[in-house]
Amino acid sequence: MPRVALYAGSFDPITNGHSDLIRRSLSFVDRLVVAVASNISKQTLFTPEERTDLIRAAVDNDPRVSVQHFQGLTVDFAKQAGVLMIIRGLRAASDFEYEYQMALMNRHLAPEMETVFMVPSLDTTYISSSLVREVARFHGDVSSLVHPSVEAALIKKFPKT
């Protein structure tokens, strides 16, 4: 039976940190579902469809990675997708408390679901989507932080006047 995991997030936009985590998770799962969440508390730069397309490009359309958009609870989507493992990234100690709470709530809602925490590679630890958006908004160089297709999409969102 194939090992399938879920990696959910807003990915607004996907960064090299996200891509690194996706690639490394494929070393211990056979297939990864990347779930693009609609977070009602976040104002996103990219539409769910744009984020989905950018993720596919960033993972070079790897057939082991499926990218889907969802709304609602992550555990409900995971159950629907037939997934029993949720992968979450931890960049800093400040992420831990929130992620730990979420993992416990997910366990409460779906006791059969496991959450696996992964730390980023050293060279991507500082990268976050919000920082990438901020740098791009002011026309800074994001080429080392995101896939070239994401960089191009950010340039279109924040054209120089």
C-alpha atoms as a PDB file:
ATOM      1  CA  MET A   1       0.000   0.000   0.000  1.00  0.00           C
ATOM      2  CA  PRO A   2       1.491   3.374  -0.982  1.00  0.00           C
ATOM      3  CA  ARG A   3       2.396   5.825   1.764  1.00  0.00           C
ATOM      4  CA  VAL A   4       0.562   9.084   1.099  1.00  0.00           C
ATOM      5  CA  ALA A   5       0.921  12.289   3.111  1.00  0.00           C
ATOM      6  CA  LEU A   6      -0.703  15.692   3.043  1.00  0.00           C
ATOM      7  CA  TYR A   7       1.117  19.019   3.184  1.00  0.00           C
ATOM      8  CA  ALA A   8      -1.388  21.843   3.627  1.00  0.00           C
ATOM      9  CA  GLY A   9      -0.863  25.570   3.664  1.00  0.00           C
ATOM     10  CA  SER A  10      -1.794  28.822   2.018  1.00  0.00           C
ATOM     11  CA  PHE A  11       1.389  28.865  -0.128  1.00  0.00           C
ATOM     12  CA  ASP A  12       0.933  32.544  -0.972  1.00  0.00           C
ATOM     13  CA  PRO A  13       3.336  32.131  -2.698  1.00  0.00           C
ATOM     14  CA  ILE A  14       5.206  28.832  -2.545  1.00  0.00           C
ATOM     15  CA  THR A  15       8.815  29.474  -1.520  1.00  0.00           C
ATOM     16  CA  ASN A  16      12.020  27.491  -1.851  1.00  0.00           C
ATOM     17  CA  GLY A  17      11.455  26.497   1.781  1.00  0.00           C
ATOM     18  CA  HIS A  18       8.133  24.878   0.884  1.00  0.00           C
ATOM     19  CA  SER A  19       9.663  23.221  -2.180  1.00  0.00           C
ATOM     20  CA  ASP A  20      12.529  21.855  -0.110  1.00  0.00           C
ATOM     21  CA  LEU A  21      10.113  20.346   2.393  1.00  0.00           C
ATOM     22  CA  ILE A  22       8.083  18.798  -0.434  1.00  0.00           C
ATOM     23  CA  ARG A  23      11.189  17.237  -2.013  1.00  0.00           C
ATOM     24  CA  ARG A  24      12.510  15.901   1.287  1.00  0.00           C
ATOM     25  CA  SER A  25       9.144  14.453   2.319  1.00  0.00           C
ATOM     26  CA  LEU A  26       9.124  12.435  -0.908  1.00  0.00           C
ATOM     27  CA  SER A  27      12.065  10.480   0.509  1.00  0.00           C
ATOM     28  CA  PHE A  28       9.742   8.799   3.031  1.00  0.00           C
ATOM     29  CA  VAL A  29       6.333   8.896   1.324  1.00  0.00           C
ATOM     30  CA  ASP A  30       5.362   7.560  -2.074  1.00  0.00           C
ATOM     31  CA  ARG A  31       2.956  10.339  -2.881  1.00  0.00           C
ATOM     32  CA  LEU A  32       2.301  13.794  -1.471  1.00  0.00           C
ATOM     33  CA  VAL A  33      -0.922  15.761  -1.675  1.00  0.00           C
ATOM     34  CA  VAL A  34      -0.159  19.471  -1.480  1.00  0.00           C
ATOM     35  CA  ALA A  35      -3.365  21.103  -0.282  1.00  0.00           C
ATOM     36  CA  VAL A  36      -3.833  24.791  -1.022  1.00  0.00           C
ATOM     37  CA  ALA A  37      -6.002  26.147   1.771  1.00  0.00           C
ATOM     38  CA  SER A  38      -8.461  28.972   1.612  1.00  0.00           C
ATOM     39  CA  ASN A  39      -7.877  30.684   4.936  1.00  0.00           C
ATOM     40  CA  ILE A  40     -10.756  33.061   5.637  1.00  0.00           C
ATOM     41  CA  SER A  41      -8.577  35.060   8.043  1.00  0.00           C
ATOM     42  CA  LYS A  42      -5.919  35.778   5.405  1.00  0.00           C
ATOM     43  CA  GLN A  43      -6.014  38.229   2.530  1.00  0.00           C
ATOM     44  CA  THR A  44      -4.074  36.425  -0.210  1.00  0.00           C
ATOM     45  CA  LEU A  45      -2.084  37.912  -3.059  1.00  0.00           C
ATOM     46  CA  PHE A  46      -2.680  34.997  -5.420  1.00  0.00           C
ATOM     47  CA  THR A  47      -5.947  33.201  -6.173  1.00  0.00           C
ATOM     48  CA  PRO A  48      -6.212  29.512  -5.246  1.00  0.00           C
ATOM     49  CA  GLU A  49      -5.855  28.624  -8.935  1.00  0.00           C
ATOM     50  CA  GLU A  50      -2.717  30.759  -9.306  1.00  0.00           C
ATOM     51  CA  ARG A  51      -1.195  29.225  -6.167  1.00  0.00           C
ATOM     52  CA  THR A  52      -2.012  25.726  -7.420  1.00  0.00           C
ATOM     53  CA  ASP A  53      -0.352  26.432 -10.785  1.00  0.00           C
ATOM     54  CA  LEU A  54       2.711  27.976  -9.117  1.00  0.00           C
ATOM     55  CA  ILE A  55       3.150  24.930  -6.868  1.00  0.00           C
ATOM     56  CA  ARG A  56       2.948  22.568  -9.848  1.00  0.00           C
ATOM     57  CA  ALA A  57       5.611  24.625 -11.612  1.00  0.00           C
ATOM     58  CA  ALA A  58       7.822  24.797  -8.508  1.00  0.00           C
ATOM     59  CA  VAL A  59       7.820  20.985  -8.162  1.00  0.00           C
ATOM     60  CA  ASP A  60       8.376  20.568 -11.908  1.00  0.00           C
ATOM     61  CA  ASN A  61       5.051  18.730 -12.253  1.00  0.00           C
ATOM     62  CA  ASP A  62       6.451  15.763 -10.303  1.00  0.00           C
ATOM     63  CA  PRO A  63       3.908  12.943 -10.798  1.00  0.00           C
ATOM     64  CA  ARG A  64       4.296  11.944  -7.132  1.00  0.00           C
ATOM     65  CA  VAL A  65       2.873  15.322  -6.089  1.00  0.00           C
ATOM     66  CA  SER A  66      -0.774  16.194  -6.567  1.00  0.00           C
ATOM     67  CA  VAL A  67      -1.873  19.746  -5.880  1.00  0.00           C
ATOM     68  CA  GLN A  68      -5.451  20.469  -4.875  1.00  0.00           C
ATOM     69  CA  HIS A  69      -7.360  23.423  -3.484  1.00  0.00           C
ATOM     70  CA  PHE A  70      -9.622  22.946  -0.476  1.00  0.00           C
ATOM     71  CA  GLN A  71     -11.797  24.804   1.997  1.00  0.00           C
ATOM     72  CA  GLY A  72     -12.638  23.762   5.511  1.00  0.00           C
ATOM     73  CA  LEU A  73     -10.783  21.636   8.016  1.00  0.00           C
ATOM     74  CA  THR A  74      -7.493  20.061   6.987  1.00  0.00           C
ATOM     75  CA  VAL A  75      -8.392  16.751   8.675  1.00  0.00           C
ATOM     76  CA  ASP A  76     -11.657  16.554   6.725  1.00  0.00           C
ATOM     77  CA  PHE A  77      -9.781  17.109   3.475  1.00  0.00           C
ATOM     78  CA  ALA A  78      -7.140  14.559   4.519  1.00  0.00           C
ATOM     79  CA  LYS A  79      -9.829  11.952   5.236  1.00  0.00           C
ATOM     80  CA  GLN A  80     -11.459  12.657   1.872  1.00  0.00           C
ATOM     81  CA  ALA A  81      -8.068  12.251   0.167  1.00  0.00           C
ATOM     82  CA  GLY A  82      -7.400   8.978   2.017  1.00  0.00           C
ATOM     83  CA  VAL A  83      -4.400  10.408   3.853  1.00  0.00           C
ATOM     84  CA  LEU A  84      -3.345   9.429   7.376  1.00  0.00           C
ATOM     85  CA  MET A  85      -0.243  11.631   7.734  1.00  0.00           C
ATOM     86  CA  ILE A  86      -0.072  15.411   7.788  1.00  0.00           C
ATOM     87  CA  ILE A  87       3.304  17.051   7.263  1.00  0.00           C
ATOM     88  CA  ARG A  88       3.982  20.425   8.835  1.00  0.00           C
ATOM     89  CA  GLY A  89       7.070  22.615   8.671  1.00  0.00           C
ATOM     90  CA  LEU A  90       8.626  24.260  11.714  1.00  0.00           C
ATOM     91  CA  ARG A  91      10.911  27.176  10.894  1.00  0.00           C
ATOM     92  CA  ALA A  92      11.407  28.563  14.378  1.00  0.00           C
ATOM     93  CA  ALA A  93      10.498  27.906  17.979  1.00  0.00           C
ATOM     94  CA  SER A  94       7.732  30.485  17.585  1.00  0.00           C
ATOM     95  CA  ASP A  95       5.990  28.167  15.082  1.00  0.00           C
ATOM     96  CA  PHE A  96       5.980  25.279  17.522  1.00  0.00           C
ATOM     97  CA  GLU A  97       3.231  26.367  19.931  1.00  0.00           C
ATOM     98  CA  TYR A  98       0.690  27.032  17.153  1.00  0.00           C
ATOM     99  CA  GLU A  99       1.605  23.879  15.226  1.00  0.00           C
ATOM    100  CA  TYR A 100       1.508  21.750  18.386  1.00  0.00           C
ATOM    101  CA  GLN A 101      -1.973  23.043  19.217  1.00  0.00           C
ATOM    102  CA  MET A 102      -3.118  22.328  15.680  1.00  0.00           C
ATOM    103  CA  ALA A 103      -1.678  18.802  15.761  1.00  0.00           C
ATOM    104  CA  LEU A 104      -3.509  18.086  19.016  1.00  0.00           C
ATOM    105  CA  MET A 105      -6.790  19.447  17.652  1.00  0.00           C
ATOM    106  CA  ASN A 106      -6.350  17.382  14.490  1.00  0.00           C
ATOM    107  CA  ARG A 107      -5.724  14.314  16.658  1.00  0.00           C
ATOM    108  CA  HIS A 108      -8.888  15.097  18.608  1.00  0.00           C
ATOM    109  CA  LEU A 109     -10.905  15.379  15.378  1.00  0.00           C
ATOM    110  CA  ALA A 110      -9.219  12.422  13.662  1.00  0.00           C
ATOM    111  CA  PRO A 111      -7.394  10.101  16.114  1.00  0.00           C
ATOM    112  CA  GLU A 112      -6.086   7.962  13.254  1.00  0.00           C
ATOM    113  CA  MET A 113      -4.290  10.970  11.720  1.00  0.00           C
ATOM    114  CA  GLU A 114      -0.608  11.545  12.537  1.00  0.00           C
ATOM    115  CA  THR A 115       1.229  14.848  12.243  1.00  0.00           C
ATOM    116  CA  VAL A 116       4.896  14.815  11.303  1.00  0.00           C
ATOM    117  CA  PHE A 117       6.953  17.948  11.916  1.00  0.00           C
ATOM    118  CA  MET A 118       9.868  18.731   9.622  1.00  0.00           C
ATOM    119  CA  VAL A 119      12.483  21.407  10.086  1.00  0.00           C
ATOM    120  CA  PRO A 120      13.690  23.318   7.044  1.00  0.00           C
ATOM    121  CA  SER A 121      17.100  23.100   5.474  1.00  0.00           C
ATOM    122  CA  LEU A 122      19.504  25.617   6.976  1.00  0.00           C
ATOM    123  CA  ASP A 123      19.558  27.740   3.833  1.00  0.00           C
ATOM    124  CA  THR A 124      15.747  28.116   3.772  1.00  0.00           C
ATOM    125  CA  THR A 125      15.015  28.600   7.496  1.00  0.00           C
ATOM    126  CA  TYR A 126      14.500  32.356   7.223  1.00  0.00           C
ATOM    127  CA  ILE A 127      12.191  32.266   4.178  1.00  0.00           C
ATOM    128  CA  SER A 128       8.483  32.907   4.641  1.00  0.00           C
ATOM    129  CA  SER A 129       5.777  33.745   2.133  1.00  0.00           C
ATOM    130  CA  SER A 130       5.005  36.998   3.922  1.00  0.00           C
ATOM    131  CA  LEU A 131       8.648  38.125   3.741  1.00  0.00           C
ATOM    132  CA  VAL A 132       8.844  37.154   0.069  1.00  0.00           C
ATOM    133  CA  ARG A 133       5.711  39.212  -0.666  1.00  0.00           C
ATOM    134  CA  GLU A 134       7.170  42.171   1.238  1.00  0.00           C
ATOM    135  CA  VAL A 135      10.485  42.065  -0.626  1.00  0.00           C
ATOM    136  CA  ALA A 136       8.705  41.663  -3.983  1.00  0.00           C
ATOM    137  CA  ARG A 137       6.297  44.532  -3.218  1.00  0.00           C
ATOM    138  CA  PHE A 138       9.288  46.866  -2.972  1.00  0.00           C
ATOM    139  CA  HIS A 139      11.014  45.332  -6.016  1.00  0.00           C
ATOM    140  CA  GLY A 140      13.730  43.524  -4.104  1.00  0.00           C
ATOM    141  CA  ASP A 141      15.454  40.460  -5.509  1.00  0.00           C
ATOM    142  CA  VAL A 142      13.520  37.273  -4.651  1.00  0.00           C
ATOM    143  CA  SER A 143      15.253  35.054  -7.217  1.00  0.00           C
ATOM    144  CA  SER A 144      17.044  32.995  -4.557  1.00  0.00           C
ATOM    145  CA  LEU A 145      13.889  32.608  -2.468  1.00  0.00           C
ATOM    146  CA  VAL A 146      11.372  31.268  -4.996  1.00  0.00           C
ATOM    147  CA  HIS A 147      11.100  29.267  -8.216  1.00  0.00           C
ATOM    148  CA  PRO A 148      11.541  31.402 -11.392  1.00  0.00           C
ATOM    149  CA  SER A 149       7.831  31.045 -12.246  1.00  0.00           C
ATOM    150  CA  VAL A 150       6.919  32.438  -8.823  1.00  0.00           C
ATOM    151  CA  GLU A 151       9.364  35.304  -9.276  1.00  0.00           C
ATOM    152  CA  ALA A 152       7.743  36.138 -12.641  1.00  0.00           C
ATOM    153  CA  ALA A 153       4.261  36.023 -11.077  1.00  0.00           C
ATOM    154  CA  LEU A 154       5.370  38.342  -8.273  1.00  0.00           C
ATOM    155  CA  ILE A 155       6.825  40.819 -10.792  1.00  0.00           C
ATOM    156  CA  LYS A 156       3.439  40.872 -12.552  1.00  0.00           C
ATOM    157  CA  LYS A 157       1.644  41.511  -9.243  1.00  0.00           C
ATOM    158  CA  PHE A 158       4.034  44.332  -8.309  1.00  0.00           C
ATOM    159  CA  PRO A 159       5.042  46.073 -11.556  1.00  0.00           C
ATOM    160  CA  LYS A 160       7.528  48.905 -11.402  1.00  0.00           C
ATOM    161  CA  THR A 161       5.831  52.200 -12.145  1.00  0.00           C
END
